[in-house]
Amino acid sequence: MDKKTKNIIGYSFLGLVVLIILLYKFLPSDVITSLVGKDNPASEVLCALPVKVMGDSMEPVLKAGEKVKFNKCFETEEIGENTILMFKDGSTNRLAVVKELKEEKLALFQPNRGDQIIAEILIGDVIAVYAEKYRGGISD
């Protein structure tokens, strides 16, 4: 194989990797599931959102510094009382637990802050729902 062919293959591979990263980062979750389906290895990789818990507001449910996995590809029907989720709060992503669900609105609280509602959001503002404990992939 000559040098020109190797370069073409190398740049093609690099372009594919960059494309996959961009799709993972910016593609809406409903588009991901419509392209690759649900409950298969591709959707598990593309829908997983690893998070390192910052602060103690979610204790004792999630501990500060703990690495957990959220799911970006969820159905709105999966969200109910006591669902742990990530939502957009201005320019910040926050974690909270659903206290009440009223039509398309969610009342949220954080366990370490007591029973007080910290935010009311539209269900469309949910970024991801808690999937399971995450065991790697985020450096400390």
N, C-alpha and C. Protein backbone atom coordinates (compact mmCIF):
# COMPACT_ATOMS: atom_id res chain seq x y z
N MET A 1 0.85 -1.16 0.00
CA MET A 1 0.00 0.00 0.00
C MET A 1 0.90 1.24 0.00
N ASP A 2 0.64 2.15 -0.91
CA ASP A 2 1.49 3.34 -0.98
C ASP A 2 1.07 4.38 0.07
N LYS A 3 1.89 5.41 0.21
CA LYS A 3 1.70 6.43 1.25
C LYS A 3 0.38 7.20 1.05
N LYS A 4 0.03 7.49 -0.20
CA LYS A 4 -1.19 8.25 -0.49
C LYS A 4 -2.43 7.47 -0.04
N THR A 5 -2.46 6.18 -0.32
CA THR A 5 -3.59 5.33 0.09
C THR A 5 -3.69 5.25 1.61
N LYS A 6 -2.54 5.11 2.27
CA LYS A 6 -2.54 5.07 3.74
C LYS A 6 -3.09 6.38 4.31
N ASN A 7 -2.69 7.51 3.73
CA ASN A 7 -3.18 8.80 4.19
C ASN A 7 -4.69 8.92 4.01
N ILE A 8 -5.19 8.48 2.89
CA ILE A 8 -6.63 8.54 2.63
C ILE A 8 -7.39 7.69 3.65
N ILE A 9 -6.92 6.49 3.90
CA ILE A 9 -7.56 5.61 4.88
C ILE A 9 -7.48 6.23 6.28
N GLY A 10 -6.32 6.76 6.64
CA GLY A 10 -6.14 7.38 7.95
C GLY A 10 -7.06 8.57 8.16
N TYR A 11 -7.12 9.47 7.19
CA TYR A 11 -7.98 10.64 7.30
C TYR A 11 -9.47 10.26 7.28
N SER A 12 -9.81 9.25 6.52
CA SER A 12 -11.20 8.77 6.50
C SER A 12 -11.59 8.23 7.87
N PHE A 13 -10.71 7.45 8.47
CA PHE A 13 -10.97 6.91 9.80
C PHE A 13 -11.10 8.04 10.82
N LEU A 14 -10.20 8.99 10.77
CA LEU A 14 -10.23 10.13 11.69
C LEU A 14 -11.53 10.92 11.51
N GLY A 15 -11.93 11.13 10.27
CA GLY A 15 -13.19 11.84 10.00
C GLY A 15 -14.38 11.09 10.56
N LEU A 16 -14.38 9.78 10.45
CA LEU A 16 -15.47 8.96 10.99
C LEU A 16 -15.54 9.08 12.51
N VAL A 17 -14.39 9.05 13.17
CA VAL A 17 -14.35 9.18 14.63
C VAL A 17 -14.89 10.55 15.04
N VAL A 18 -14.46 11.61 14.37
CA VAL A 18 -14.95 12.96 14.68
C VAL A 18 -16.46 13.04 14.45
N LEU A 19 -16.96 12.46 13.40
CA LEU A 19 -18.39 12.47 13.12
C LEU A 19 -19.17 11.76 14.22
N ILE A 20 -18.69 10.62 14.66
CA ILE A 20 -19.36 9.88 15.74
C ILE A 20 -19.39 10.70 17.02
N ILE A 21 -18.28 11.36 17.34
CA ILE A 21 -18.23 12.19 18.54
C ILE A 21 -19.21 13.35 18.43
N LEU A 22 -19.27 14.00 17.29
CA LEU A 22 -20.21 15.11 17.10
C LEU A 22 -21.66 14.64 17.18
N LEU A 23 -21.95 13.49 16.59
CA LEU A 23 -23.32 12.96 16.67
C LEU A 23 -23.68 12.65 18.11
N TYR A 24 -22.75 12.05 18.85
CA TYR A 24 -22.99 11.72 20.25
C TYR A 24 -23.27 12.97 21.07
N LYS A 25 -22.49 14.01 20.81
CA LYS A 25 -22.58 15.23 21.61
C LYS A 25 -23.82 16.06 21.28
N PHE A 26 -24.16 16.17 20.00
CA PHE A 26 -25.17 17.14 19.61
C PHE A 26 -26.47 16.59 19.06
N LEU A 27 -26.53 15.31 18.76
CA LEU A 27 -27.74 14.74 18.18
C LEU A 27 -28.80 14.54 19.25
N PRO A 28 -30.02 15.03 19.04
CA PRO A 28 -31.08 14.82 20.03
C PRO A 28 -31.36 13.33 20.23
N SER A 29 -31.75 12.98 21.45
CA SER A 29 -31.94 11.58 21.80
C SER A 29 -33.01 10.90 20.95
N ASP A 30 -34.08 11.63 20.59
CA ASP A 30 -35.12 10.99 19.78
C ASP A 30 -34.61 10.65 18.38
N VAL A 31 -33.67 11.43 17.87
CA VAL A 31 -33.07 11.12 16.57
C VAL A 31 -32.18 9.89 16.69
N ILE A 32 -31.44 9.80 17.79
CA ILE A 32 -30.58 8.63 18.01
C ILE A 32 -31.42 7.36 18.00
N THR A 33 -32.52 7.35 18.77
CA THR A 33 -33.33 6.14 18.84
C THR A 33 -34.02 5.84 17.51
N SER A 34 -34.37 6.87 16.75
CA SER A 34 -35.00 6.59 15.45
C SER A 34 -33.98 6.04 14.45
N LEU A 35 -32.71 6.41 14.60
CA LEU A 35 -31.67 5.91 13.69
C LEU A 35 -31.20 4.50 14.04
N VAL A 36 -30.95 4.25 15.32
CA VAL A 36 -30.36 2.96 15.71
C VAL A 36 -31.30 2.07 16.50
N GLY A 37 -32.49 2.56 16.83
CA GLY A 37 -33.43 1.76 17.61
C GLY A 37 -33.15 1.89 19.09
N LYS A 38 -33.79 1.03 19.86
CA LYS A 38 -33.65 1.07 21.32
C LYS A 38 -33.29 -0.31 21.81
N ASP A 39 -32.64 -0.38 22.94
CA ASP A 39 -32.27 -1.65 23.57
C ASP A 39 -31.33 -2.49 22.71
N ASN A 40 -30.31 -1.86 22.16
CA ASN A 40 -29.26 -2.58 21.45
C ASN A 40 -27.93 -1.94 21.79
N PRO A 41 -26.82 -2.57 21.48
CA PRO A 41 -25.51 -2.02 21.86
C PRO A 41 -25.25 -0.60 21.35
N ALA A 42 -25.66 -0.31 20.12
CA ALA A 42 -25.43 1.04 19.57
C ALA A 42 -26.18 2.09 20.36
N SER A 43 -27.43 1.83 20.70
CA SER A 43 -28.20 2.82 21.46
C SER A 43 -27.67 2.94 22.88
N GLU A 44 -27.20 1.83 23.45
CA GLU A 44 -26.64 1.90 24.80
C GLU A 44 -25.42 2.81 24.84
N VAL A 45 -24.59 2.76 23.82
CA VAL A 45 -23.40 3.61 23.77
C VAL A 45 -23.79 5.05 23.49
N LEU A 46 -24.62 5.28 22.48
CA LEU A 46 -24.97 6.64 22.09
C LEU A 46 -25.89 7.34 23.08
N CYS A 47 -26.66 6.59 23.86
CA CYS A 47 -27.61 7.19 24.79
C CYS A 47 -27.04 7.36 26.20
N ALA A 48 -25.93 6.72 26.49
CA ALA A 48 -25.34 6.80 27.83
C ALA A 48 -24.73 8.18 28.05
N LEU A 49 -24.99 8.73 29.23
CA LEU A 49 -24.42 10.01 29.61
C LEU A 49 -23.75 9.86 30.97
N PRO A 50 -22.43 9.63 30.97
CA PRO A 50 -21.72 9.48 32.24
C PRO A 50 -21.61 10.82 32.96
N VAL A 51 -21.83 10.81 34.27
CA VAL A 51 -21.84 12.04 35.06
C VAL A 51 -21.08 11.80 36.36
N LYS A 52 -20.29 12.77 36.75
CA LYS A 52 -19.66 12.75 38.07
C LYS A 52 -20.47 13.71 38.94
N VAL A 53 -21.04 13.20 40.03
CA VAL A 53 -21.89 14.00 40.90
C VAL A 53 -21.04 15.05 41.61
N MET A 54 -21.44 16.29 41.47
CA MET A 54 -20.73 17.41 42.10
C MET A 54 -21.59 17.93 43.24
N GLY A 55 -21.01 18.09 44.40
CA GLY A 55 -21.75 18.61 45.54
C GLY A 55 -22.54 17.53 46.24
N ASP A 56 -23.14 17.91 47.38
CA ASP A 56 -23.84 16.94 48.22
C ASP A 56 -25.36 17.05 48.17
N SER A 57 -25.90 17.83 47.26
CA SER A 57 -27.35 18.07 47.24
C SER A 57 -28.18 16.82 46.97
N MET A 58 -27.59 15.81 46.36
CA MET A 58 -28.34 14.59 46.04
C MET A 58 -28.13 13.47 47.06
N GLU A 59 -27.32 13.74 48.10
CA GLU A 59 -27.10 12.71 49.13
C GLU A 59 -28.36 12.55 49.97
N PRO A 60 -28.65 11.37 50.42
CA PRO A 60 -27.87 10.13 50.38
C PRO A 60 -28.11 9.29 49.13
N VAL A 61 -28.94 9.75 48.20
CA VAL A 61 -29.26 8.96 47.01
C VAL A 61 -28.03 8.81 46.11
N LEU A 62 -27.40 9.93 45.77
CA LEU A 62 -26.15 9.93 45.00
C LEU A 62 -25.13 10.73 45.81
N LYS A 63 -23.96 10.19 45.97
CA LYS A 63 -22.95 10.82 46.80
C LYS A 63 -22.01 11.71 45.99
N ALA A 64 -21.52 12.77 46.62
CA ALA A 64 -20.57 13.68 45.97
C ALA A 64 -19.37 12.89 45.47
N GLY A 65 -18.97 13.13 44.23
CA GLY A 65 -17.84 12.44 43.63
C GLY A 65 -18.17 11.11 43.00
N GLU A 66 -19.37 10.61 43.23
CA GLU A 66 -19.78 9.32 42.67
C GLU A 66 -19.95 9.44 41.16
N LYS A 67 -19.59 8.37 40.45
CA LYS A 67 -19.75 8.33 39.00
C LYS A 67 -20.99 7.51 38.67
N VAL A 68 -21.92 8.12 37.96
CA VAL A 68 -23.19 7.47 37.63
C VAL A 68 -23.48 7.61 36.14
N LYS A 69 -24.41 6.80 35.67
CA LYS A 69 -24.78 6.83 34.26
C LYS A 69 -26.23 7.25 34.11
N PHE A 70 -26.47 8.24 33.27
CA PHE A 70 -27.81 8.68 32.93
C PHE A 70 -28.11 8.23 31.50
N ASN A 71 -29.39 8.20 31.16
CA ASN A 71 -29.84 7.77 29.84
C ASN A 71 -30.48 8.95 29.13
N LYS A 72 -29.88 9.36 27.99
CA LYS A 72 -30.43 10.47 27.21
C LYS A 72 -31.62 10.04 26.35
N CYS A 73 -31.75 8.77 26.08
CA CYS A 73 -32.81 8.25 25.19
C CYS A 73 -33.90 7.62 26.04
N PHE A 74 -34.81 8.43 26.51
CA PHE A 74 -35.86 7.96 27.39
C PHE A 74 -37.21 8.39 26.83
N GLU A 75 -38.23 7.70 27.25
CA GLU A 75 -39.60 8.07 26.90
C GLU A 75 -40.15 8.93 28.03
N THR A 76 -40.94 9.94 27.70
CA THR A 76 -41.48 10.80 28.75
C THR A 76 -42.35 10.02 29.73
N GLU A 77 -42.91 8.90 29.28
CA GLU A 77 -43.74 8.07 30.15
C GLU A 77 -42.91 7.42 31.27
N GLU A 78 -41.59 7.35 31.09
CA GLU A 78 -40.71 6.77 32.09
C GLU A 78 -40.52 7.70 33.29
N ILE A 79 -40.87 8.97 33.13
CA ILE A 79 -40.66 9.95 34.19
C ILE A 79 -41.88 9.99 35.09
N GLY A 80 -41.66 9.76 36.37
CA GLY A 80 -42.73 9.81 37.36
C GLY A 80 -42.17 10.25 38.69
N GLU A 81 -42.98 10.18 39.72
CA GLU A 81 -42.51 10.55 41.05
C GLU A 81 -41.30 9.71 41.42
N ASN A 82 -40.35 10.35 42.07
CA ASN A 82 -39.11 9.74 42.54
C ASN A 82 -38.11 9.38 41.44
N THR A 83 -38.36 9.82 40.21
CA THR A 83 -37.38 9.62 39.14
C THR A 83 -36.24 10.61 39.34
N ILE A 84 -35.02 10.11 39.30
CA ILE A 84 -33.84 10.97 39.37
C ILE A 84 -33.53 11.40 37.94
N LEU A 85 -33.32 12.71 37.75
CA LEU A 85 -33.09 13.19 36.40
C LEU A 85 -32.09 14.34 36.37
N MET A 86 -31.64 14.66 35.16
CA MET A 86 -30.80 15.82 34.91
C MET A 86 -31.62 16.79 34.08
N PHE A 87 -31.55 18.07 34.45
CA PHE A 87 -32.29 19.08 33.70
C PHE A 87 -31.43 20.31 33.50
N LYS A 88 -31.81 21.12 32.53
CA LYS A 88 -31.10 22.35 32.20
C LYS A 88 -31.65 23.46 33.08
N ASP A 89 -30.76 24.13 33.80
CA ASP A 89 -31.12 25.27 34.64
C ASP A 89 -30.25 26.44 34.18
N GLY A 90 -30.74 27.20 33.23
CA GLY A 90 -29.92 28.26 32.63
C GLY A 90 -28.81 27.61 31.83
N SER A 91 -27.57 27.92 32.19
CA SER A 91 -26.42 27.33 31.49
C SER A 91 -25.83 26.15 32.25
N THR A 92 -26.52 25.73 33.31
CA THR A 92 -26.02 24.64 34.16
C THR A 92 -26.92 23.42 34.07
N ASN A 93 -26.31 22.26 34.09
CA ASN A 93 -27.07 21.01 34.20
C ASN A 93 -27.14 20.65 35.68
N ARG A 94 -28.34 20.34 36.17
CA ARG A 94 -28.53 20.00 37.58
C ARG A 94 -29.20 18.65 37.71
N LEU A 95 -28.99 18.03 38.87
CA LEU A 95 -29.63 16.76 39.19
C LEU A 95 -30.72 17.02 40.23
N ALA A 96 -31.81 16.29 40.12
CA ALA A 96 -32.91 16.43 41.07
C ALA A 96 -33.79 15.19 41.00
N VAL A 97 -34.74 15.13 41.93
CA VAL A 97 -35.70 14.04 42.01
C VAL A 97 -37.09 14.63 41.77
N VAL A 98 -37.92 13.91 41.02
CA VAL A 98 -39.28 14.37 40.76
C VAL A 98 -40.12 14.16 42.02
N LYS A 99 -40.71 15.25 42.50
CA LYS A 99 -41.61 15.17 43.65
C LYS A 99 -43.04 15.02 43.18
N GLU A 100 -43.42 15.82 42.19
CA GLU A 100 -44.78 15.77 41.65
C GLU A 100 -44.74 15.92 40.13
N LEU A 101 -45.69 15.29 39.49
CA LEU A 101 -45.85 15.40 38.04
C LEU A 101 -47.25 15.91 37.79
N LYS A 102 -47.34 17.11 37.22
CA LYS A 102 -48.64 17.72 36.91
C LYS A 102 -48.69 18.00 35.41
N GLU A 103 -49.40 17.14 34.69
CA GLU A 103 -49.48 17.23 33.24
C GLU A 103 -48.09 17.26 32.63
N GLU A 104 -47.66 18.37 32.07
CA GLU A 104 -46.34 18.46 31.45
C GLU A 104 -45.31 19.15 32.35
N LYS A 105 -45.67 19.43 33.61
CA LYS A 105 -44.76 20.10 34.54
C LYS A 105 -44.28 19.15 35.62
N LEU A 106 -43.01 19.33 36.00
CA LEU A 106 -42.40 18.52 37.05
C LEU A 106 -41.97 19.43 38.19
N ALA A 107 -42.34 19.07 39.41
CA ALA A 107 -41.83 19.74 40.61
C ALA A 107 -40.68 18.90 41.13
N LEU A 108 -39.51 19.53 41.30
CA LEU A 108 -38.28 18.81 41.63
C LEU A 108 -37.74 19.19 43.01
N PHE A 109 -37.09 18.22 43.64
CA PHE A 109 -36.39 18.48 44.90
C PHE A 109 -35.06 17.76 44.90
N GLN A 110 -34.19 18.16 45.85
CA GLN A 110 -32.91 17.49 46.04
C GLN A 110 -32.90 16.95 47.47
N PRO A 111 -32.62 15.66 47.64
CA PRO A 111 -32.75 15.01 48.95
C PRO A 111 -32.06 15.72 50.11
N ASN A 112 -30.88 16.24 49.91
CA ASN A 112 -30.13 16.87 50.99
C ASN A 112 -30.65 18.27 51.32
N ARG A 113 -31.57 18.77 50.53
CA ARG A 113 -32.15 20.10 50.74
C ARG A 113 -33.53 20.00 51.39
N GLY A 114 -33.89 18.80 51.83
CA GLY A 114 -35.19 18.61 52.46
C GLY A 114 -36.27 18.36 51.42
N ASP A 115 -37.49 18.57 51.83
CA ASP A 115 -38.65 18.28 50.99
C ASP A 115 -39.05 19.48 50.12
N GLN A 116 -38.28 20.53 50.19
CA GLN A 116 -38.59 21.78 49.50
C GLN A 116 -38.41 21.65 47.99
N ILE A 117 -39.36 22.17 47.23
CA ILE A 117 -39.26 22.16 45.77
C ILE A 117 -38.21 23.18 45.35
N ILE A 118 -37.22 22.74 44.57
CA ILE A 118 -36.15 23.63 44.13
C ILE A 118 -36.41 24.21 42.75
N ALA A 119 -37.25 23.53 41.96
CA ALA A 119 -37.53 24.00 40.61
C ALA A 119 -38.80 23.34 40.09
N GLU A 120 -39.47 24.06 39.21
CA GLU A 120 -40.57 23.50 38.42
C GLU A 120 -40.18 23.66 36.98
N ILE A 121 -40.17 22.55 36.25
CA ILE A 121 -39.73 22.57 34.86
C ILE A 121 -40.75 21.88 33.98
N LEU A 122 -40.65 22.13 32.70
CA LEU A 122 -41.45 21.39 31.73
C LEU A 122 -40.76 20.06 31.47
N ILE A 123 -41.53 19.05 31.17
CA ILE A 123 -40.95 17.72 30.94
C ILE A 123 -39.96 17.73 29.77
N GLY A 124 -40.14 18.67 28.85
CA GLY A 124 -39.22 18.81 27.72
C GLY A 124 -37.85 19.35 28.11
N ASP A 125 -37.71 19.88 29.33
CA ASP A 125 -36.43 20.40 29.80
C ASP A 125 -35.54 19.32 30.41
N VAL A 126 -36.05 18.10 30.48
CA VAL A 126 -35.26 16.99 31.03
C VAL A 126 -34.22 16.58 30.00
N ILE A 127 -32.97 16.49 30.43
CA ILE A 127 -31.87 16.09 29.55
C ILE A 127 -31.71 14.59 29.55
N ALA A 128 -31.78 13.98 30.75
CA ALA A 128 -31.54 12.55 30.88
C ALA A 128 -32.14 12.05 32.18
N VAL A 129 -32.38 10.74 32.25
CA VAL A 129 -32.87 10.10 33.47
C VAL A 129 -31.80 9.15 33.98
N TYR A 130 -31.80 8.96 35.29
CA TYR A 130 -30.80 8.12 35.94
C TYR A 130 -30.96 6.68 35.48
N ALA A 131 -29.86 6.10 35.08
CA ALA A 131 -29.90 4.73 34.56
C ALA A 131 -29.39 3.73 35.60
N GLU A 132 -28.18 3.91 36.05
CA GLU A 132 -27.57 2.96 36.97
C GLU A 132 -26.26 3.55 37.46
N LYS A 133 -25.64 2.89 38.43
CA LYS A 133 -24.32 3.32 38.88
C LYS A 133 -23.35 3.19 37.71
N TYR A 134 -22.49 4.14 37.56
CA TYR A 134 -21.53 4.12 36.47
C TYR A 134 -20.16 3.72 37.00
N ARG A 135 -19.48 2.82 36.33
CA ARG A 135 -18.23 2.25 36.85
C ARG A 135 -17.01 2.58 36.00
N GLY A 136 -16.94 3.73 35.42
CA GLY A 136 -15.72 4.07 34.69
C GLY A 136 -15.98 5.07 33.58
N GLY A 137 -14.91 5.54 32.99
CA GLY A 137 -15.04 6.42 31.84
C GLY A 137 -14.89 7.89 32.17
N ILE A 138 -14.91 8.26 33.45
CA ILE A 138 -14.70 9.66 33.83
C ILE A 138 -13.46 9.69 34.72
N SER A 139 -12.53 10.54 34.36
CA SER A 139 -11.33 10.63 35.20
C SER A 139 -11.61 11.53 36.39
N ASP A 140 -10.96 11.23 37.50
CA ASP A 140 -11.16 12.02 38.72
C ASP A 140 -10.53 13.37 38.65
